[in-house]
Amino acid sequence: MCRRICNWLLEGNLESFVRAGTNLTEAIRDVEAWAANNAEVLEAYKEYRLSDEYKTSPAGRLRALILDFQLRSGYNEIFIENMKALSPSYREYCEQLIRANEQFLKMNPSYRQFED
């Protein structure tokens, strides 16, 4: 699986992969267009995230550790909520992300399995 994704990236798709992950403003502005423009990258990501290879990879283990830290430390409930209280612009950014995510999940319900 990893070899297939690496080959896919090396075949000239790295730019698409990076663009899909970094152009958050575009995604928030027009979720439907962003998802359509990045369908191949999203499908490769979903396939990789579901693989046993990912789950046992350093990236998969790191993700699990970060999620555990966030749960045990109150990161979302304390830190993020306080950031929202201190910064109206951060609060608005978070609200935009939540709306965009909800819209994306309505269009692509199979990605709900990745909600943490």
PDB file of N, CA and C in Angstrom:
ATOM      1  N   MET A   1       0.825  -1.194   0.000  1.00  0.00           N
ATOM      2  CA  MET A   1       0.000   0.000   0.000  1.00  0.00           C
ATOM      3  C   MET A   1       0.864   1.251   0.000  1.00  0.00           C
ATOM      4  N   CYS A   2       1.789   1.332   0.938  1.00  0.00           N
ATOM      5  CA  CYS A   2       2.648   2.515   1.022  1.00  0.00           C
ATOM      6  C   CYS A   2       3.427   2.693  -0.276  1.00  0.00           C
ATOM      7  N   ARG A   3       3.894   1.585  -0.832  1.00  0.00           N
ATOM      8  CA  ARG A   3       4.643   1.660  -2.097  1.00  0.00           C
ATOM      9  C   ARG A   3       3.768   2.241  -3.192  1.00  0.00           C
ATOM     10  N   ARG A   4       2.492   1.818  -3.226  1.00  0.00           N
ATOM     11  CA  ARG A   4       1.578   2.334  -4.245  1.00  0.00           C
ATOM     12  C   ARG A   4       1.361   3.838  -4.092  1.00  0.00           C
ATOM     13  N   ILE A   5       1.178   4.301  -2.861  1.00  0.00           N
ATOM     14  CA  ILE A   5       0.987   5.732  -2.622  1.00  0.00           C
ATOM     15  C   ILE A   5       2.261   6.494  -2.958  1.00  0.00           C
ATOM     16  N   CYS A   6       3.409   5.952  -2.539  1.00  0.00           N
ATOM     17  CA  CYS A   6       4.682   6.617  -2.858  1.00  0.00           C
ATOM     18  C   CYS A   6       4.883   6.712  -4.364  1.00  0.00           C
ATOM     19  N   ASN A   7       4.586   5.645  -5.078  1.00  0.00           N
ATOM     20  CA  ASN A   7       4.706   5.672  -6.540  1.00  0.00           C
ATOM     21  C   ASN A   7       3.746   6.694  -7.131  1.00  0.00           C
ATOM     22  N   TRP A   8       2.526   6.748  -6.599  1.00  0.00           N
ATOM     23  CA  TRP A   8       1.538   7.699  -7.083  1.00  0.00           C
ATOM     24  C   TRP A   8       2.059   9.120  -6.900  1.00  0.00           C
ATOM     25  N   LEU A   9       2.661   9.390  -5.738  1.00  0.00           N
ATOM     26  CA  LEU A   9       3.215  10.718  -5.482  1.00  0.00           C
ATOM     27  C   LEU A   9       4.384  11.016  -6.413  1.00  0.00           C
ATOM     28  N   LEU A  10       5.229  10.022  -6.640  1.00  0.00           N
ATOM     29  CA  LEU A  10       6.404  10.218  -7.487  1.00  0.00           C
ATOM     30  C   LEU A  10       6.045  10.376  -8.962  1.00  0.00           C
ATOM     31  N   GLU A  11       4.867   9.914  -9.330  1.00  0.00           N
ATOM     32  CA  GLU A  11       4.420  10.032 -10.718  1.00  0.00           C
ATOM     33  C   GLU A  11       3.942  11.443 -11.057  1.00  0.00           C
ATOM     34  N   GLY A  12       4.254  12.387 -10.218  1.00  0.00           N
ATOM     35  CA  GLY A  12       3.882  13.764 -10.506  1.00  0.00           C
ATOM     36  C   GLY A  12       2.683  14.254  -9.730  1.00  0.00           C
ATOM     37  N   ASN A  13       2.217  13.464  -8.807  1.00  0.00           N
ATOM     38  CA  ASN A  13       1.038  13.833  -8.047  1.00  0.00           C
ATOM     39  C   ASN A  13       1.358  14.500  -6.720  1.00  0.00           C
ATOM     40  N   LEU A  14       2.636  14.648  -6.404  1.00  0.00           N
ATOM     41  CA  LEU A  14       3.021  15.256  -5.130  1.00  0.00           C
ATOM     42  C   LEU A  14       2.451  16.663  -5.002  1.00  0.00           C
ATOM     43  N   GLU A  15       2.521  17.415  -6.076  1.00  0.00           N
ATOM     44  CA  GLU A  15       1.993  18.786  -6.034  1.00  0.00           C
ATOM     45  C   GLU A  15       0.504  18.783  -5.710  1.00  0.00           C
ATOM     46  N   SER A  16      -0.248  17.863  -6.297  1.00  0.00           N
ATOM     47  CA  SER A  16      -1.685  17.763  -6.012  1.00  0.00           C
ATOM     48  C   SER A  16      -1.922  17.393  -4.561  1.00  0.00           C
ATOM     49  N   PHE A  17      -1.115  16.478  -4.062  1.00  0.00           N
ATOM     50  CA  PHE A  17      -1.250  16.043  -2.673  1.00  0.00           C
ATOM     51  C   PHE A  17      -0.992  17.197  -1.713  1.00  0.00           C
ATOM     52  N   VAL A  18       0.071  17.944  -1.948  1.00  0.00           N
ATOM     53  CA  VAL A  18       0.419  19.083  -1.094  1.00  0.00           C
ATOM     54  C   VAL A  18      -0.655  20.155  -1.197  1.00  0.00           C
ATOM     55  N   ARG A  19      -1.098  20.438  -2.409  1.00  0.00           N
ATOM     56  CA  ARG A  19      -2.131  21.458  -2.611  1.00  0.00           C
ATOM     57  C   ARG A  19      -3.416  21.073  -1.883  1.00  0.00           C
ATOM     58  N   ALA A  20      -3.785  19.795  -1.922  1.00  0.00           N
ATOM     59  CA  ALA A  20      -5.007  19.340  -1.251  1.00  0.00           C
ATOM     60  C   ALA A  20      -4.920  19.555   0.248  1.00  0.00           C
ATOM     61  N   GLY A  21      -3.746  19.373   0.803  1.00  0.00           N
ATOM     62  CA  GLY A  21      -3.599  19.513   2.240  1.00  0.00           C
ATOM     63  C   GLY A  21      -3.372  20.925   2.721  1.00  0.00           C
ATOM     64  N   THR A  22      -2.903  21.798   1.848  1.00  0.00           N
ATOM     65  CA  THR A  22      -2.530  23.127   2.307  1.00  0.00           C
ATOM     66  C   THR A  22      -3.497  24.229   1.884  1.00  0.00           C
ATOM     67  N   ASN A  23      -4.351  23.977   0.948  1.00  0.00           N
ATOM     68  CA  ASN A  23      -5.230  25.038   0.487  1.00  0.00           C
ATOM     69  C   ASN A  23      -6.544  25.024   1.252  1.00  0.00           C
ATOM     70  N   LEU A  24      -6.435  25.222   2.539  1.00  0.00           N
ATOM     71  CA  LEU A  24      -7.578  25.182   3.428  1.00  0.00           C
ATOM     72  C   LEU A  24      -8.579  26.300   3.139  1.00  0.00           C
ATOM     73  N   THR A  25      -8.079  27.446   2.762  1.00  0.00           N
ATOM     74  CA  THR A  25      -8.967  28.565   2.460  1.00  0.00           C
ATOM     75  C   THR A  25      -9.898  28.212   1.313  1.00  0.00           C
ATOM     76  N   GLU A  26      -9.362  27.596   0.285  1.00  0.00           N
ATOM     77  CA  GLU A  26     -10.174  27.165  -0.861  1.00  0.00           C
ATOM     78  C   GLU A  26     -11.203  26.129  -0.418  1.00  0.00           C
ATOM     79  N   ALA A  27     -10.782  25.198   0.414  1.00  0.00           N
ATOM     80  CA  ALA A  27     -11.683  24.146   0.888  1.00  0.00           C
ATOM     81  C   ALA A  27     -12.830  24.730   1.702  1.00  0.00           C
ATOM     82  N   ILE A  28     -12.529  25.675   2.554  1.00  0.00           N
ATOM     83  CA  ILE A  28     -13.562  26.298   3.385  1.00  0.00           C
ATOM     84  C   ILE A  28     -14.534  27.095   2.521  1.00  0.00           C
ATOM     85  N   ARG A  29     -14.006  27.784   1.541  1.00  0.00           N
ATOM     86  CA  ARG A  29     -14.822  28.637   0.682  1.00  0.00           C
ATOM     87  C   ARG A  29     -15.785  27.834  -0.187  1.00  0.00           C
ATOM     88  N   ASP A  30     -15.314  26.720  -0.754  1.00  0.00           N
ATOM     89  CA  ASP A  30     -16.143  25.930  -1.665  1.00  0.00           C
ATOM     90  C   ASP A  30     -15.808  24.455  -1.490  1.00  0.00           C
ATOM     91  N   VAL A  31     -16.430  23.844  -0.504  1.00  0.00           N
ATOM     92  CA  VAL A  31     -16.135  22.455  -0.149  1.00  0.00           C
ATOM     93  C   VAL A  31     -16.386  21.523  -1.326  1.00  0.00           C
ATOM     94  N   GLU A  32     -17.488  21.716  -2.004  1.00  0.00           N
ATOM     95  CA  GLU A  32     -17.850  20.819  -3.102  1.00  0.00           C
ATOM     96  C   GLU A  32     -16.799  20.854  -4.215  1.00  0.00           C
ATOM     97  N   ALA A  33     -16.390  22.041  -4.629  1.00  0.00           N
ATOM     98  CA  ALA A  33     -15.380  22.157  -5.685  1.00  0.00           C
ATOM     99  C   ALA A  33     -14.038  21.595  -5.223  1.00  0.00           C
ATOM    100  N   TRP A  34     -13.670  21.891  -3.968  1.00  0.00           N
ATOM    101  CA  TRP A  34     -12.403  21.387  -3.444  1.00  0.00           C
ATOM    102  C   TRP A  34     -12.387  19.860  -3.432  1.00  0.00           C
ATOM    103  N   ALA A  35     -13.482  19.256  -2.971  1.00  0.00           N
ATOM    104  CA  ALA A  35     -13.560  17.795  -2.910  1.00  0.00           C
ATOM    105  C   ALA A  35     -13.494  17.194  -4.308  1.00  0.00           C
ATOM    106  N   ALA A  36     -14.165  17.820  -5.264  1.00  0.00           N
ATOM    107  CA  ALA A  36     -14.134  17.316  -6.641  1.00  0.00           C
ATOM    108  C   ALA A  36     -12.733  17.441  -7.240  1.00  0.00           C
ATOM    109  N   ASN A  37     -12.074  18.567  -6.984  1.00  0.00           N
ATOM    110  CA  ASN A  37     -10.727  18.790  -7.526  1.00  0.00           C
ATOM    111  C   ASN A  37      -9.675  17.892  -6.883  1.00  0.00           C
ATOM    112  N   ASN A  38      -9.972  17.371  -5.703  1.00  0.00           N
ATOM    113  CA  ASN A  38      -8.994  16.567  -4.966  1.00  0.00           C
ATOM    114  C   ASN A  38      -9.482  15.149  -4.710  1.00  0.00           C
ATOM    115  N   ALA A  39     -10.415  14.682  -5.527  1.00  0.00           N
ATOM    116  CA  ALA A  39     -11.027  13.372  -5.310  1.00  0.00           C
ATOM    117  C   ALA A  39      -9.990  12.247  -5.301  1.00  0.00           C
ATOM    118  N   GLU A  40      -9.041  12.296  -6.195  1.00  0.00           N
ATOM    119  CA  GLU A  40      -8.035  11.229  -6.279  1.00  0.00           C
ATOM    120  C   GLU A  40      -7.170  11.196  -5.020  1.00  0.00           C
ATOM    121  N   VAL A  41      -6.766  12.353  -4.559  1.00  0.00           N
ATOM    122  CA  VAL A  41      -5.944  12.443  -3.347  1.00  0.00           C
ATOM    123  C   VAL A  41      -6.749  11.968  -2.140  1.00  0.00           C
ATOM    124  N   LEU A  42      -8.002  12.387  -2.052  1.00  0.00           N
ATOM    125  CA  LEU A  42      -8.845  11.989  -0.925  1.00  0.00           C
ATOM    126  C   LEU A  42      -9.049  10.479  -0.896  1.00  0.00           C
ATOM    127  N   GLU A  43      -9.245   9.890  -2.056  1.00  0.00           N
ATOM    128  CA  GLU A  43      -9.446   8.438  -2.118  1.00  0.00           C
ATOM    129  C   GLU A  43      -8.171   7.691  -1.718  1.00  0.00           C
ATOM    130  N   ALA A  44      -7.016   8.178  -2.162  1.00  0.00           N
ATOM    131  CA  ALA A  44      -5.740   7.554  -1.775  1.00  0.00           C
ATOM    132  C   ALA A  44      -5.525   7.684  -0.275  1.00  0.00           C
ATOM    133  N   TYR A  45      -5.854   8.841   0.279  1.00  0.00           N
ATOM    134  CA  TYR A  45      -5.724   9.060   1.719  1.00  0.00           C
ATOM    135  C   TYR A  45      -6.626   8.097   2.486  1.00  0.00           C
ATOM    136  N   LYS A  46      -7.876   7.986   2.059  1.00  0.00           N
ATOM    137  CA  LYS A  46      -8.817   7.103   2.749  1.00  0.00           C
ATOM    138  C   LYS A  46      -8.322   5.661   2.713  1.00  0.00           C
ATOM    139  N   GLU A  47      -7.877   5.229   1.563  1.00  0.00           N
ATOM    140  CA  GLU A  47      -7.388   3.861   1.418  1.00  0.00           C
ATOM    141  C   GLU A  47      -6.187   3.609   2.340  1.00  0.00           C
ATOM    142  N   TYR A  48      -5.283   4.566   2.399  1.00  0.00           N
ATOM    143  CA  TYR A  48      -4.103   4.419   3.252  1.00  0.00           C
ATOM    144  C   TYR A  48      -4.480   4.424   4.724  1.00  0.00           C
ATOM    145  N   ARG A  49      -5.353   5.331   5.130  1.00  0.00           N
ATOM    146  CA  ARG A  49      -5.753   5.413   6.544  1.00  0.00           C
ATOM    147  C   ARG A  49      -6.436   4.143   7.016  1.00  0.00           C
ATOM    148  N   LEU A  50      -7.086   3.424   6.113  1.00  0.00           N
ATOM    149  CA  LEU A  50      -7.771   2.191   6.482  1.00  0.00           C
ATOM    150  C   LEU A  50      -6.843   0.975   6.507  1.00  0.00           C
ATOM    151  N   SER A  51      -5.646   1.143   5.999  1.00  0.00           N
ATOM    152  CA  SER A  51      -4.736   0.001   5.876  1.00  0.00           C
ATOM    153  C   SER A  51      -4.069  -0.356   7.200  1.00  0.00           C
ATOM    154  N   ASP A  52      -3.751  -1.629   7.345  1.00  0.00           N
ATOM    155  CA  ASP A  52      -2.982  -2.078   8.507  1.00  0.00           C
ATOM    156  C   ASP A  52      -1.600  -1.450   8.488  1.00  0.00           C
ATOM    157  N   GLU A  53      -1.091  -1.214   7.295  1.00  0.00           N
ATOM    158  CA  GLU A  53       0.226  -0.593   7.163  1.00  0.00           C
ATOM    159  C   GLU A  53       0.249   0.783   7.834  1.00  0.00           C
ATOM    160  N   TYR A  54      -0.798   1.569   7.629  1.00  0.00           N
ATOM    161  CA  TYR A  54      -0.867   2.884   8.269  1.00  0.00           C
ATOM    162  C   TYR A  54      -0.957   2.735   9.788  1.00  0.00           C
ATOM    163  N   LYS A  55      -1.824   1.825  10.223  1.00  0.00           N
ATOM    164  CA  LYS A  55      -2.063   1.679  11.660  1.00  0.00           C
ATOM    165  C   LYS A  55      -0.800   1.307  12.428  1.00  0.00           C
ATOM    166  N   THR A  56       0.114   0.603  11.772  1.00  0.00           N
ATOM    167  CA  THR A  56       1.356   0.204  12.437  1.00  0.00           C
ATOM    168  C   THR A  56       2.539   1.095  12.061  1.00  0.00           C
ATOM    169  N   SER A  57       2.289   2.094  11.223  1.00  0.00           N
ATOM    170  CA  SER A  57       3.367   2.993  10.782  1.00  0.00           C
ATOM    171  C   SER A  57       3.678   4.018  11.862  1.00  0.00           C
ATOM    172  N   PRO A  58       4.845   4.673  11.774  1.00  0.00           N
ATOM    173  CA  PRO A  58       5.139   5.765  12.709  1.00  0.00           C
ATOM    174  C   PRO A  58       4.054   6.850  12.675  1.00  0.00           C
ATOM    175  N   ALA A  59       3.534   7.156  11.493  1.00  0.00           N
ATOM    176  CA  ALA A  59       2.489   8.187  11.383  1.00  0.00           C
ATOM    177  C   ALA A  59       1.223   7.753  12.119  1.00  0.00           C
ATOM    178  N   GLY A  60       0.842   6.501  11.966  1.00  0.00           N
ATOM    179  CA  GLY A  60      -0.346   5.996  12.646  1.00  0.00           C
ATOM    180  C   GLY A  60      -0.173   5.963  14.151  1.00  0.00           C
ATOM    181  N   ARG A  61       1.003   5.544  14.585  1.00  0.00           N
ATOM    182  CA  ARG A  61       1.271   5.512  16.028  1.00  0.00           C
ATOM    183  C   ARG A  61       1.326   6.927  16.600  1.00  0.00           C
ATOM    184  N   LEU A  62       1.940   7.859  15.862  1.00  0.00           N
ATOM    185  CA  LEU A  62       2.004   9.249  16.326  1.00  0.00           C
ATOM    186  C   LEU A  62       0.604   9.840  16.438  1.00  0.00           C
ATOM    187  N   ARG A  63      -0.232   9.584  15.463  1.00  0.00           N
ATOM    188  CA  ARG A  63      -1.612  10.084  15.507  1.00  0.00           C
ATOM    189  C   ARG A  63      -2.331   9.563  16.754  1.00  0.00           C
ATOM    190  N   ALA A  64      -2.158   8.277  17.038  1.00  0.00           N
ATOM    191  CA  ALA A  64      -2.795   7.688  18.222  1.00  0.00           C
ATOM    192  C   ALA A  64      -2.277   8.348  19.500  1.00  0.00           C
ATOM    193  N   LEU A  65      -0.978   8.604  19.560  1.00  0.00           N
ATOM    194  CA  LEU A  65      -0.402   9.253  20.743  1.00  0.00           C
ATOM    195  C   LEU A  65      -0.914  10.679  20.910  1.00  0.00           C
ATOM    196  N   ILE A  66      -1.008  11.405  19.802  1.00  0.00           N
ATOM    197  CA  ILE A  66      -1.505  12.786  19.859  1.00  0.00           C
ATOM    198  C   ILE A  66      -2.964  12.803  20.315  1.00  0.00           C
ATOM    199  N   LEU A  67      -3.773  11.909  19.768  1.00  0.00           N
ATOM    200  CA  LEU A  67      -5.181  11.852  20.178  1.00  0.00           C
ATOM    201  C   LEU A  67      -5.311  11.495  21.656  1.00  0.00           C
ATOM    202  N   ASP A  68      -4.489  10.570  22.115  1.00  0.00           N
ATOM    203  CA  ASP A  68      -4.507  10.207  23.525  1.00  0.00           C
ATOM    204  C   ASP A  68      -4.119  11.409  24.395  1.00  0.00           C
ATOM    205  N   PHE A  69      -3.083  12.111  23.994  1.00  0.00           N
ATOM    206  CA  PHE A  69      -2.665  13.313  24.733  1.00  0.00           C
ATOM    207  C   PHE A  69      -3.797  14.337  24.788  1.00  0.00           C
ATOM    208  N   GLN A  70      -4.429  14.565  23.640  1.00  0.00           N
ATOM    209  CA  GLN A  70      -5.506  15.552  23.589  1.00  0.00           C
ATOM    210  C   GLN A  70      -6.658  15.174  24.517  1.00  0.00           C
ATOM    211  N   LEU A  71      -6.986  13.894  24.553  1.00  0.00           N
ATOM    212  CA  LEU A  71      -8.073  13.439  25.424  1.00  0.00           C
ATOM    213  C   LEU A  71      -7.702  13.562  26.900  1.00  0.00           C
ATOM    214  N   ARG A  72      -6.504  13.117  27.244  1.00  0.00           N
ATOM    215  CA  ARG A  72      -6.098  13.108  28.653  1.00  0.00           C
ATOM    216  C   ARG A  72      -5.815  14.504  29.193  1.00  0.00           C
ATOM    217  N   SER A  73      -5.348  15.395  28.333  1.00  0.00           N
ATOM    218  CA  SER A  73      -4.949  16.723  28.812  1.00  0.00           C
ATOM    219  C   SER A  73      -6.071  17.761  28.776  1.00  0.00           C
ATOM    220  N   GLY A  74      -7.168  17.426  28.133  1.00  0.00           N
ATOM    221  CA  GLY A  74      -8.242  18.406  27.992  1.00  0.00           C
ATOM    222  C   GLY A  74      -7.929  19.444  26.920  1.00  0.00           C
ATOM    223  N   TYR A  75      -7.075  19.078  25.984  1.00  0.00           N
ATOM    224  CA  TYR A  75      -6.628  20.010  24.949  1.00  0.00           C
ATOM    225  C   TYR A  75      -7.803  20.703  24.264  1.00  0.00           C
ATOM    226  N   ASN A  76      -8.762  19.919  23.785  1.00  0.00           N
ATOM    227  CA  ASN A  76      -9.895  20.523  23.072  1.00  0.00           C
ATOM    228  C   ASN A  76     -10.833  21.265  24.012  1.00  0.00           C
ATOM    229  N   GLU A  77     -11.125  20.654  25.146  1.00  0.00           N
ATOM    230  CA  GLU A  77     -12.109  21.227  26.062  1.00  0.00           C
ATOM    231  C   GLU A  77     -11.569  22.449  26.809  1.00  0.00           C
ATOM    232  N   ILE A  78     -10.279  22.495  27.056  1.00  0.00           N
ATOM    233  CA  ILE A  78      -9.712  23.605  27.834  1.00  0.00           C
ATOM    234  C   ILE A  78      -8.933  24.567  26.943  1.00  0.00           C
ATOM    235  N   PHE A  79      -7.883  24.078  26.319  1.00  0.00           N
ATOM    236  CA  PHE A  79      -7.002  24.965  25.549  1.00  0.00           C
ATOM    237  C   PHE A  79      -7.714  25.592  24.349  1.00  0.00           C
ATOM    238  N   ILE A  80      -8.308  24.756  23.510  1.00  0.00           N
ATOM    239  CA  ILE A  80      -8.968  25.286  22.298  1.00  0.00           C
ATOM    240  C   ILE A  80     -10.124  26.208  22.669  1.00  0.00           C
ATOM    241  N   GLU A  81     -10.911  25.825  23.659  1.00  0.00           N
ATOM    242  CA  GLU A  81     -12.030  26.678  24.075  1.00  0.00           C
ATOM    243  C   GLU A  81     -11.539  28.024  24.601  1.00  0.00           C
ATOM    244  N   ASN A  82     -10.435  28.024  25.327  1.00  0.00           N
ATOM    245  CA  ASN A  82      -9.871  29.290  25.806  1.00  0.00           C
ATOM    246  C   ASN A  82      -9.303  30.120  24.659  1.00  0.00           C
ATOM    247  N   MET A  83      -8.717  29.467  23.673  1.00  0.00           N
ATOM    248  CA  MET A  83      -8.240  30.196  22.486  1.00  0.00           C
ATOM    249  C   MET A  83      -9.403  30.891  21.783  1.00  0.00           C
ATOM    250  N   LYS A  84     -10.519  30.201  21.676  1.00  0.00           N
ATOM    251  CA  LYS A  84     -11.710  30.790  21.057  1.00  0.00           C
ATOM    252  C   LYS A  84     -12.206  31.986  21.859  1.00  0.00           C
ATOM    253  N   ALA A  85     -12.142  31.879  23.186  1.00  0.00           N
ATOM    254  CA  ALA A  85     -12.590  32.980  24.040  1.00  0.00           C
ATOM    255  C   ALA A  85     -11.666  34.186  23.922  1.00  0.00           C
ATOM    256  N   LEU A  86     -10.376  33.935  23.762  1.00  0.00           N
ATOM    257  CA  LEU A  86      -9.390  35.018  23.675  1.00  0.00           C
ATOM    258  C   LEU A  86      -9.321  35.656  22.292  1.00  0.00           C
ATOM    259  N   SER A  87      -9.654  34.896  21.267  1.00  0.00           N
ATOM    260  CA  SER A  87      -9.468  35.384  19.903  1.00  0.00           C
ATOM    261  C   SER A  87     -10.741  35.208  19.073  1.00  0.00           C
ATOM    262  N   PRO A  88     -11.460  36.294  18.824  1.00  0.00           N
ATOM    263  CA  PRO A  88     -12.652  36.194  17.965  1.00  0.00           C
ATOM    264  C   PRO A  88     -12.317  35.661  16.569  1.00  0.00           C
ATOM    265  N   SER A  89     -11.154  36.027  16.037  1.00  0.00           N
ATOM    266  CA  SER A  89     -10.793  35.546  14.701  1.00  0.00           C
ATOM    267  C   SER A  89     -10.526  34.040  14.718  1.00  0.00           C
ATOM    268  N   TYR A  90      -9.943  33.523  15.787  1.00  0.00           N
ATOM    269  CA  TYR A  90      -9.719  32.083  15.897  1.00  0.00           C
ATOM    270  C   TYR A  90     -11.057  31.363  16.046  1.00  0.00           C
ATOM    271  N   ARG A  91     -11.968  31.937  16.835  1.00  0.00           N
ATOM    272  CA  ARG A  91     -13.300  31.354  16.996  1.00  0.00           C
ATOM    273  C   ARG A  91     -14.010  31.262  15.642  1.00  0.00           C
ATOM    274  N   GLU A  92     -13.948  32.326  14.861  1.00  0.00           N
ATOM    275  CA  GLU A  92     -14.579  32.327  13.534  1.00  0.00           C
ATOM    276  C   GLU A  92     -13.921  31.289  12.615  1.00  0.00           C
ATOM    277  N   TYR A  93     -12.607  31.198  12.666  1.00  0.00           N
ATOM    278  CA  TYR A  93     -11.872  30.197  11.879  1.00  0.00           C
ATOM    279  C   TYR A  93     -12.345  28.790  12.244  1.00  0.00           C
ATOM    280  N   CYS A  94     -12.461  28.495  13.531  1.00  0.00           N
ATOM    281  CA  CYS A  94     -12.927  27.178  13.981  1.00  0.00           C
ATOM    282  C   CYS A  94     -14.357  26.921  13.510  1.00  0.00           C
ATOM    283  N   GLU A  95     -15.206  27.922  13.577  1.00  0.00           N
ATOM    284  CA  GLU A  95     -16.584  27.769  13.123  1.00  0.00           C
ATOM    285  C   GLU A  95     -16.637  27.486  11.621  1.00  0.00           C
ATOM    286  N   GLN A  96     -15.780  28.157  10.853  1.00  0.00           N
ATOM    287  CA  GLN A  96     -15.713  27.903   9.412  1.00  0.00           C
ATOM    288  C   GLN A  96     -15.258  26.472   9.137  1.00  0.00           C
ATOM    289  N   LEU A  97     -14.265  26.014   9.878  1.00  0.00           N
ATOM    290  CA  LEU A  97     -13.782  24.639   9.709  1.00  0.00           C
ATOM    291  C   LEU A  97     -14.872  23.623  10.026  1.00  0.00           C
ATOM    292  N   ILE A  98     -15.611  23.874  11.097  1.00  0.00           N
ATOM    293  CA  ILE A  98     -16.683  22.954  11.491  1.00  0.00           C
ATOM    294  C   ILE A  98     -17.765  22.909  10.418  1.00  0.00           C
ATOM    295  N   ARG A  99     -18.163  24.068   9.908  1.00  0.00           N
ATOM    296  CA  ARG A  99     -19.187  24.103   8.846  1.00  0.00           C
ATOM    297  C   ARG A  99     -18.698  23.382   7.591  1.00  0.00           C
ATOM    298  N   ALA A 100     -17.458  23.642   7.200  1.00  0.00           N
ATOM    299  CA  ALA A 100     -16.897  22.993   6.008  1.00  0.00           C
ATOM    300  C   ALA A 100     -16.817  21.479   6.213  1.00  0.00           C
ATOM    301  N   ASN A 101     -16.410  21.054   7.392  1.00  0.00           N
ATOM    302  CA  ASN A 101     -16.309  19.626   7.682  1.00  0.00           C
ATOM    303  C   ASN A 101     -17.681  18.964   7.636  1.00  0.00           C
ATOM    304  N   GLU A 102     -18.679  19.618   8.220  1.00  0.00           N
ATOM    305  CA  GLU A 102     -20.037  19.073   8.187  1.00  0.00           C
ATOM    306  C   GLU A 102     -20.537  18.926   6.757  1.00  0.00           C
ATOM    307  N   GLN A 103     -20.276  19.931   5.933  1.00  0.00           N
ATOM    308  CA  GLN A 103     -20.693  19.867   4.531  1.00  0.00           C
ATOM    309  C   GLN A 103     -19.960  18.736   3.811  1.00  0.00           C
ATOM    310  N   PHE A 104     -18.649  18.614   4.033  1.00  0.00           N
ATOM    311  CA  PHE A 104     -17.864  17.556   3.394  1.00  0.00           C
ATOM    312  C   PHE A 104     -18.394  16.178   3.806  1.00  0.00           C
ATOM    313  N   LEU A 105     -18.690  15.995   5.081  1.00  0.00           N
ATOM    314  CA  LEU A 105     -19.169  14.697   5.560  1.00  0.00           C
ATOM    315  C   LEU A 105     -20.561  14.365   5.036  1.00  0.00           C
ATOM    316  N   LYS A 106     -21.389  15.363   4.810  1.00  0.00           N
ATOM    317  CA  LYS A 106     -22.696  15.111   4.198  1.00  0.00           C
ATOM    318  C   LYS A 106     -22.525  14.603   2.772  1.00  0.00           C
ATOM    319  N   MET A 107     -21.548  15.164   2.062  1.00  0.00           N
ATOM    320  CA  MET A 107     -21.283  14.757   0.681  1.00  0.00           C
ATOM    321  C   MET A 107     -20.531  13.429   0.620  1.00  0.00           C
ATOM    322  N   ASN A 108     -19.741  13.133   1.652  1.00  0.00           N
ATOM    323  CA  ASN A 108     -18.858  11.963   1.667  1.00  0.00           C
ATOM    324  C   ASN A 108     -18.966  11.237   3.006  1.00  0.00           C
ATOM    325  N   PRO A 109     -20.103  10.591   3.268  1.00  0.00           N
ATOM    326  CA  PRO A 109     -20.303   9.984   4.584  1.00  0.00           C
ATOM    327  C   PRO A 109     -19.291   8.900   4.951  1.00  0.00           C
ATOM    328  N   SER A 110     -18.628   8.315   3.974  1.00  0.00           N
ATOM    329  CA  SER A 110     -17.648   7.265   4.297  1.00  0.00           C
ATOM    330  C   SER A 110     -16.444   7.817   5.073  1.00  0.00           C
ATOM    331  N   TYR A 111     -16.268   9.127   5.062  1.00  0.00           N
ATOM    332  CA  TYR A 111     -15.144   9.726   5.795  1.00  0.00           C
ATOM    333  C   TYR A 111     -15.479   9.941   7.279  1.00  0.00           C
ATOM    334  N   ARG A 112     -16.722   9.695   7.681  1.00  0.00           N
ATOM    335  CA  ARG A 112     -17.085   9.838   9.090  1.00  0.00           C
ATOM    336  C   ARG A 112     -16.271   8.903   9.979  1.00  0.00           C
ATOM    337  N   GLN A 113     -15.812   7.816   9.413  1.00  0.00           N
ATOM    338  CA  GLN A 113     -15.038   6.848  10.200  1.00  0.00           C
ATOM    339  C   GLN A 113     -13.706   7.427  10.674  1.00  0.00           C
ATOM    340  N   PHE A 114     -13.297   8.571  10.122  1.00  0.00           N
ATOM    341  CA  PHE A 114     -12.046   9.189  10.516  1.00  0.00           C
ATOM    342  C   PHE A 114     -12.221  10.294  11.550  1.00  0.00           C
ATOM    343  N   GLU A 115     -13.462  10.530  11.967  1.00  0.00           N
ATOM    344  CA  GLU A 115     -13.697  11.552  12.985  1.00  0.00           C
ATOM    345  C   GLU A 115     -13.139  11.060  14.313  1.00  0.00           C
ATOM    346  N   ASP A 116     -12.417  11.911  14.965  1.00  0.00           N
ATOM    347  CA  ASP A 116     -11.835  11.540  16.266  1.00  0.00           C
ATOM    348  C   ASP A 116     -12.383  12.434  17.343  1.00  0.00           C
TER     349      ASP A 116
END
